[in-house]
Amino acid sequence: VSPASAFSSPLRLFAETMMGTEIRRAPNVHYGREEKSEALQKWIDMDVPAIAVSAVKGFVQHRPVLASFWILGLLIAAFAGGLPVDATSEEAYSHLLQQAELIDSRDLGQRAGVELAKAEAVYYQRKGWFGCDKWCQKAWDKVQMARAEVKRVQDHRDWVLSEGRREVGIWSSYGVKDIRRSFWSAWQSGKDFASRMTFYDVLFSVGSREESIYVMIFRWILQYLANLTFGLVGAFGFFLYNMYCLIVSYGASFFSGLAFFLLATVAGLSMLSTYLCSLYAVVAGGGAMLIQQAAKHAALEMSKQAALQLDSKPAKPQQPGIQRRCPV
């Protein structure tokens, strides 16, 4: 078998599967050779880059306001670095930040957190299946006291950190850096969610359907895109809540915090829409180019079959009673 014929069979199967009723035979419907050739020629003549450029131009022309906000968001995401901070505010912020890190590592991690873990271990050892005696109740009281101490230390750490953030403000380079860190952390969590869900989808779908490997891979890609869309949209919602908490922690006023929140939301939505639309365009363009290749191979095979049928037709028999004359 030649490499071309070995490659054309899967492509033809992919074309018959993905190109819908133009090529695939529906029940009780038979398509003629001319109709099939016309449908194949439409796919062969399709200019995928021109269609993509035309779609972008149409979006910009029909929705100029939305396109302007999209470009503004990309510019903010790319070039916004925050306002510079004077030396006094920067020194106060650094001092309070170090103090908050010390509280987190020493008071919370080495003292209150350890006491809470010990109290919970004693409580779970003394806890019965169906009740809790007086020793269990005493252990539970110690757990409650340890949790209250942990919360007190956490509140003190958050207060110190908030005081340091108020020295620089949300519009500073430190505030913008924290917002960027929060955005990319949420972004990574959304991608991790999509990877986990797609892994389970692939794990439970292998061997469940009788379909070609090409259709199966294409279906997995579409599942990953759907999971990625849900994951990133959910992660973006979590980022908005976290951004609100950061704005409050930095002590911004109402109007200043609202302006920052709206600008950061526009930038995040621009990044999210650009990423997802780019992935959709790549998958759609790749699928269209695969179908074009499949259509070319299918058209070539149809022309070969037509030529073989034409060559294999028998000559018309001579009618009786008619004799051929010698041309000489």
Protein backbone atom coordinates (compact mmCIF):
# COMPACT_ATOMS: atom_id res chain seq x y z
CA VAL A 1 0.00 0.00 0.00
CA SER A 2 1.42 3.39 -0.94
CA PRO A 3 1.76 6.12 1.70
CA ALA A 4 -0.68 8.32 -0.20
CA SER A 5 -3.42 5.68 -0.21
CA ALA A 6 -2.75 4.80 3.43
CA PHE A 7 -3.13 8.45 4.34
CA SER A 8 -6.14 9.12 2.13
CA SER A 9 -8.36 6.43 3.69
CA PRO A 10 -8.39 7.94 7.20
CA LEU A 11 -8.76 11.43 5.75
CA ARG A 12 -11.68 10.34 3.64
CA LEU A 13 -13.31 8.77 6.70
CA PHE A 14 -12.69 12.00 8.61
CA ALA A 15 -14.24 14.01 5.79
CA GLU A 16 -17.29 11.74 5.62
CA THR A 17 -17.69 12.09 9.39
CA MET A 18 -17.10 15.86 9.78
CA MET A 19 -18.53 17.32 6.56
CA GLY A 20 -22.11 16.50 7.42
CA THR A 21 -24.84 15.72 4.96
CA GLU A 22 -23.04 17.29 2.00
CA ILE A 23 -20.88 14.17 1.58
CA ARG A 24 -22.18 11.59 4.05
CA ARG A 25 -25.17 9.58 2.91
CA ALA A 26 -28.23 10.00 5.07
CA PRO A 27 -30.80 7.18 5.37
CA ASN A 28 -32.81 6.73 2.18
CA VAL A 29 -30.94 9.62 0.53
CA HIS A 30 -28.49 9.01 -2.30
CA TYR A 31 -26.24 11.76 -3.60
CA GLY A 32 -25.07 11.78 -7.17
CA ARG A 33 -21.50 12.12 -8.30
CA GLU A 34 -22.00 15.73 -9.39
CA GLU A 35 -23.46 16.75 -6.02
CA LYS A 36 -20.58 15.11 -4.18
CA SER A 37 -18.04 16.76 -6.47
CA GLU A 38 -19.70 20.14 -5.97
CA ALA A 39 -19.65 19.75 -2.17
CA LEU A 40 -16.00 18.69 -2.22
CA GLN A 41 -15.08 21.59 -4.48
CA LYS A 42 -16.66 24.05 -2.00
CA TRP A 43 -14.38 22.80 0.74
CA ILE A 44 -11.34 22.79 -1.53
CA ASP A 45 -11.96 26.39 -2.66
CA MET A 46 -12.51 27.65 0.90
CA ASP A 47 -9.97 30.32 1.91
CA VAL A 48 -9.59 29.88 5.69
CA PRO A 49 -7.29 32.91 6.34
CA ALA A 50 -9.57 35.18 4.32
CA ILE A 51 -12.60 34.01 6.32
CA ALA A 52 -10.76 34.70 9.60
CA VAL A 53 -9.71 38.20 8.48
CA SER A 54 -13.24 38.94 7.28
CA ALA A 55 -14.69 37.83 10.64
CA VAL A 56 -12.31 40.12 12.55
CA LYS A 57 -13.09 43.07 10.28
CA GLY A 58 -16.81 42.47 10.64
CA PHE A 59 -16.53 42.36 14.43
CA VAL A 60 -14.59 45.65 14.53
CA GLN A 61 -16.94 47.40 12.10
CA HIS A 62 -20.21 46.27 13.69
CA ARG A 63 -19.12 46.55 17.35
CA PRO A 64 -16.67 49.47 17.56
CA VAL A 65 -17.35 50.21 21.25
CA LEU A 66 -16.74 46.62 22.31
CA ALA A 67 -13.62 46.46 20.14
CA SER A 68 -12.34 49.69 21.71
CA PHE A 69 -12.79 48.32 25.23
CA TRP A 70 -11.06 45.11 24.15
CA ILE A 71 -8.03 47.00 22.82
CA LEU A 72 -7.99 49.23 25.92
CA GLY A 73 -7.97 46.16 28.15
CA LEU A 74 -5.07 44.61 26.26
CA LEU A 75 -3.09 47.84 26.53
CA ILE A 76 -3.75 48.02 30.28
CA ALA A 77 -2.76 44.39 30.76
CA ALA A 78 0.43 44.86 28.75
CA PHE A 79 1.74 48.22 29.93
CA ALA A 80 0.09 49.11 33.27
CA GLY A 81 2.75 48.92 35.98
CA GLY A 82 1.37 51.15 38.70
CA LEU A 83 2.40 54.50 40.08
CA PRO A 84 5.87 54.97 41.63
CA VAL A 85 6.15 55.08 45.43
CA ASP A 86 8.25 57.56 47.42
CA ALA A 87 11.07 56.30 49.62
CA THR A 88 9.26 56.89 52.95
CA SER A 89 6.16 54.94 51.94
CA GLU A 90 8.26 52.19 50.42
CA GLU A 91 10.31 51.82 53.60
CA ALA A 92 7.18 51.70 55.79
CA TYR A 93 5.59 49.13 53.48
CA SER A 94 8.69 46.93 53.51
CA HIS A 95 8.95 47.11 57.31
CA LEU A 96 5.30 46.16 57.87
CA LEU A 97 5.46 43.43 55.23
CA GLN A 98 8.44 41.85 56.99
CA GLN A 99 6.58 42.08 60.29
CA ALA A 100 3.54 40.31 58.76
CA GLU A 101 5.78 37.57 57.34
CA LEU A 102 7.39 37.14 60.77
CA ILE A 103 3.99 36.79 62.41
CA ASP A 104 2.93 34.27 59.77
CA SER A 105 6.04 32.11 60.15
CA ARG A 106 6.68 32.38 63.89
CA ASP A 107 3.44 33.06 65.76
CA LEU A 108 1.12 31.27 63.35
CA GLY A 109 3.27 28.53 61.86
CA GLN A 110 5.45 27.57 64.83
CA ARG A 111 3.17 28.29 67.79
CA ALA A 112 -0.57 28.67 67.19
CA GLY A 113 -0.74 26.28 64.25
CA VAL A 114 1.24 23.59 66.09
CA GLU A 115 -0.94 23.91 69.20
CA LEU A 116 -4.07 23.57 67.07
CA ALA A 117 -2.74 20.42 65.37
CA LYS A 118 -1.88 18.85 68.75
CA ALA A 119 -5.29 19.71 70.23
CA GLU A 120 -7.12 18.25 67.23
CA ALA A 121 -5.05 15.06 67.40
CA VAL A 122 -5.93 14.58 71.11
CA TYR A 123 -9.59 15.30 70.44
CA TYR A 124 -9.88 12.76 67.61
CA GLN A 125 -8.15 10.13 69.79
CA ARG A 126 -10.64 10.61 72.65
CA LYS A 127 -13.70 11.00 70.47
CA GLY A 128 -15.97 7.95 70.44
CA TRP A 129 -18.11 6.59 67.66
CA PHE A 130 -21.47 7.52 69.17
CA GLY A 131 -20.70 10.03 71.91
CA CYS A 132 -18.17 12.24 73.67
CA ASP A 133 -17.34 11.81 77.39
CA LYS A 134 -16.02 14.47 79.73
CA TRP A 135 -12.41 13.93 78.62
CA CYS A 136 -13.51 14.31 75.02
CA GLN A 137 -15.37 17.51 75.93
CA LYS A 138 -12.26 18.92 77.57
CA ALA A 139 -10.25 18.08 74.44
CA TRP A 140 -12.92 19.79 72.31
CA ASP A 141 -12.72 22.91 74.48
CA LYS A 142 -8.96 22.99 73.93
CA VAL A 143 -9.53 22.69 70.17
CA GLN A 144 -11.90 25.64 70.26
CA MET A 145 -9.40 27.71 72.25
CA ALA A 146 -6.60 26.79 69.81
CA ARG A 147 -8.75 27.77 66.83
CA ALA A 148 -9.60 31.09 68.45
CA GLU A 149 -5.90 31.73 69.01
CA VAL A 150 -5.13 30.90 65.37
CA LYS A 151 -7.85 33.28 64.21
CA ARG A 152 -6.53 36.03 66.50
CA VAL A 153 -3.01 35.65 65.08
CA GLN A 154 -4.35 35.61 61.51
CA ASP A 155 -6.38 38.77 62.13
CA HIS A 156 -3.31 40.47 63.61
CA ARG A 157 -1.21 39.46 60.61
CA ASP A 158 -3.87 40.72 58.19
CA TRP A 159 -4.11 44.02 60.08
CA VAL A 160 -0.33 44.55 59.92
CA LEU A 161 -0.31 43.67 56.21
CA SER A 162 -3.24 45.99 55.55
CA GLU A 163 -1.47 48.85 57.35
CA GLY A 164 1.56 48.34 55.13
CA ARG A 165 -0.59 48.29 52.01
CA ARG A 166 -2.33 51.50 53.02
CA GLU A 167 1.06 53.21 52.98
CA VAL A 168 1.43 52.67 49.22
CA GLY A 169 -2.16 52.38 47.91
CA ILE A 170 -3.82 50.14 45.34
CA TRP A 171 -2.64 52.28 42.38
CA SER A 172 1.00 51.78 43.30
CA SER A 173 3.34 49.32 41.64
CA TYR A 174 2.96 47.02 44.67
CA GLY A 175 -0.82 46.99 44.36
CA VAL A 176 -0.71 46.30 40.62
CA LYS A 177 1.83 43.53 41.24
CA ASP A 178 -0.47 41.87 43.79
CA ILE A 179 -3.39 42.10 41.36
CA ARG A 180 -1.32 40.53 38.59
CA ARG A 181 -0.19 37.75 40.92
CA SER A 182 -3.78 37.06 41.90
CA PHE A 183 -4.90 36.98 38.25
CA TRP A 184 -2.25 34.52 37.12
CA SER A 185 -2.82 32.33 40.16
CA ALA A 186 -6.53 32.11 39.32
CA TRP A 187 -5.65 31.54 35.65
CA GLN A 188 -3.43 28.58 36.53
CA SER A 189 -6.12 27.08 38.76
CA GLY A 190 -8.59 27.27 35.85
CA LYS A 191 -6.16 25.50 33.52
CA ASP A 192 -5.51 22.82 36.15
CA PHE A 193 -9.26 22.26 36.46
CA ALA A 194 -9.54 21.82 32.67
CA SER A 195 -6.66 19.34 32.63
CA ARG A 196 -8.19 17.24 35.41
CA MET A 197 -11.65 17.19 33.85
CA THR A 198 -10.27 16.30 30.42
CA PHE A 199 -8.19 13.50 31.92
CA TYR A 200 -11.31 11.97 33.46
CA ASP A 201 -13.26 12.46 30.22
CA VAL A 202 -10.57 10.65 28.23
CA LEU A 203 -10.25 7.94 30.88
CA PHE A 204 -13.95 7.08 30.83
CA SER A 205 -14.45 7.48 27.08
CA VAL A 206 -11.72 5.13 25.83
CA GLY A 207 -13.38 2.07 24.32
CA SER A 208 -16.92 3.31 24.96
CA ARG A 209 -17.63 4.21 21.32
CA GLU A 210 -16.76 2.71 17.98
CA GLU A 211 -15.18 5.60 16.12
CA SER A 212 -11.96 6.34 14.32
CA ILE A 213 -8.92 7.65 16.16
CA TYR A 214 -9.11 10.96 14.27
CA VAL A 215 -12.69 11.67 15.33
CA MET A 216 -11.86 10.60 18.90
CA ILE A 217 -8.89 12.98 19.11
CA PHE A 218 -10.96 15.82 17.65
CA ARG A 219 -13.70 15.15 20.23
CA TRP A 220 -11.11 15.19 23.05
CA ILE A 221 -9.83 18.54 21.83
CA LEU A 222 -13.36 19.95 21.88
CA GLN A 223 -13.89 18.57 25.40
CA TYR A 224 -10.68 20.22 26.57
CA LEU A 225 -11.80 23.54 25.07
CA ALA A 226 -15.16 23.27 26.85
CA ASN A 227 -13.51 22.37 30.17
CA LEU A 228 -10.97 25.17 29.72
CA THR A 229 -13.75 27.67 29.06
CA PHE A 230 -15.64 26.69 32.21
CA GLY A 231 -12.44 26.58 34.26
CA LEU A 232 -11.15 29.98 33.17
CA VAL A 233 -14.55 31.66 33.52
CA GLY A 234 -14.94 30.28 37.04
CA ALA A 235 -11.37 31.25 37.91
CA PHE A 236 -12.02 34.76 36.62
CA GLY A 237 -15.00 35.06 38.96
CA PHE A 238 -12.77 34.00 41.85
CA PHE A 239 -10.20 36.59 40.74
CA LEU A 240 -12.83 39.34 40.86
CA TYR A 241 -13.68 38.46 44.45
CA ASN A 242 -10.02 38.30 45.42
CA MET A 243 -9.40 41.65 43.72
CA TYR A 244 -12.22 43.19 45.76
CA CYS A 245 -10.59 41.89 48.95
CA LEU A 246 -7.23 43.34 47.91
CA ILE A 247 -8.77 46.73 47.13
CA VAL A 248 -10.34 46.79 50.60
CA SER A 249 -7.05 45.68 52.15
CA TYR A 250 -5.19 48.53 50.42
CA GLY A 251 -7.63 51.02 51.91
CA ALA A 252 -8.78 52.63 48.66
CA SER A 253 -11.72 55.03 48.71
CA PHE A 254 -15.00 54.09 47.07
CA PHE A 255 -14.55 55.90 43.77
CA SER A 256 -10.85 55.12 43.52
CA GLY A 257 -11.46 51.44 44.24
CA LEU A 258 -14.37 51.31 41.79
CA ALA A 259 -12.28 52.84 39.01
CA PHE A 260 -9.45 50.41 39.66
CA PHE A 261 -11.86 47.47 39.79
CA LEU A 262 -13.48 48.40 36.46
CA LEU A 263 -10.18 48.91 34.67
CA ALA A 264 -8.75 45.65 36.00
CA THR A 265 -11.97 43.84 35.02
CA VAL A 266 -11.75 45.19 31.46
CA ALA A 267 -8.10 44.09 31.24
CA GLY A 268 -8.90 40.62 32.59
CA LEU A 269 -11.85 40.15 30.24
CA SER A 270 -9.71 41.24 27.29
CA MET A 271 -7.05 38.70 28.19
CA LEU A 272 -9.61 35.95 28.71
CA SER A 273 -11.52 36.62 25.48
CA THR A 274 -8.31 36.91 23.46
CA TYR A 275 -6.97 33.62 24.77
CA LEU A 276 -10.20 31.67 24.29
CA CYS A 277 -10.98 33.15 20.87
CA SER A 278 -7.43 32.39 19.71
CA LEU A 279 -7.80 28.77 20.79
CA TYR A 280 -11.19 28.49 19.08
CA ALA A 281 -9.77 30.01 15.90
CA VAL A 282 -6.78 27.65 15.89
CA VAL A 283 -8.97 24.57 16.39
CA ALA A 284 -11.54 25.70 13.81
CA GLY A 285 -8.83 26.61 11.29
CA GLY A 286 -6.98 23.34 11.84
CA GLY A 287 -10.20 21.36 11.44
CA ALA A 288 -11.10 23.24 8.27
CA MET A 289 -7.65 22.61 6.77
CA LEU A 290 -7.89 18.90 7.63
CA ILE A 291 -11.27 18.75 5.94
CA GLN A 292 -9.78 20.51 2.91
CA GLN A 293 -7.06 17.88 2.65
CA ALA A 294 -9.66 15.15 3.08
CA ALA A 295 -11.80 16.73 0.38
CA LYS A 296 -8.84 16.85 -2.02
CA HIS A 297 -8.09 13.17 -1.47
CA ALA A 298 -11.77 12.26 -1.82
CA ALA A 299 -12.06 14.26 -5.07
CA LEU A 300 -8.92 12.58 -6.43
CA GLU A 301 -10.29 9.13 -5.65
CA MET A 302 -13.63 9.99 -7.22
CA SER A 303 -11.86 11.09 -10.43
CA LYS A 304 -9.83 7.86 -10.45
CA GLN A 305 -12.97 5.77 -10.00
CA ALA A 306 -14.73 7.67 -12.78
CA ALA A 307 -11.77 7.07 -15.11
CA LEU A 308 -11.74 3.34 -14.28
CA GLN A 309 -15.48 3.04 -14.89
CA LEU A 310 -15.11 4.83 -18.22
CA ASP A 311 -12.31 2.50 -19.32
CA SER A 312 -14.15 -0.62 -18.21
CA LYS A 313 -17.33 0.13 -20.23
CA PRO A 314 -17.82 -2.51 -23.04
CA ALA A 315 -17.96 -1.41 -26.68
CA LYS A 316 -21.43 -0.97 -28.19
CA PRO A 317 -22.48 -4.11 -30.10
CA GLN A 318 -23.03 -3.79 -33.87
CA GLN A 319 -26.69 -3.79 -34.89
CA PRO A 320 -27.73 -6.82 -36.97
CA GLY A 321 -28.31 -6.34 -40.66
CA ILE A 322 -25.86 -3.46 -40.92
CA GLN A 323 -22.54 -4.25 -42.54
CA ARG A 324 -19.53 -2.05 -42.34
CA ARG A 325 -18.00 -1.00 -45.63
CA CYS A 326 -14.31 -0.97 -46.15
CA PRO A 327 -13.12 2.61 -46.07
CA VAL A 328 -10.64 1.92 -48.86
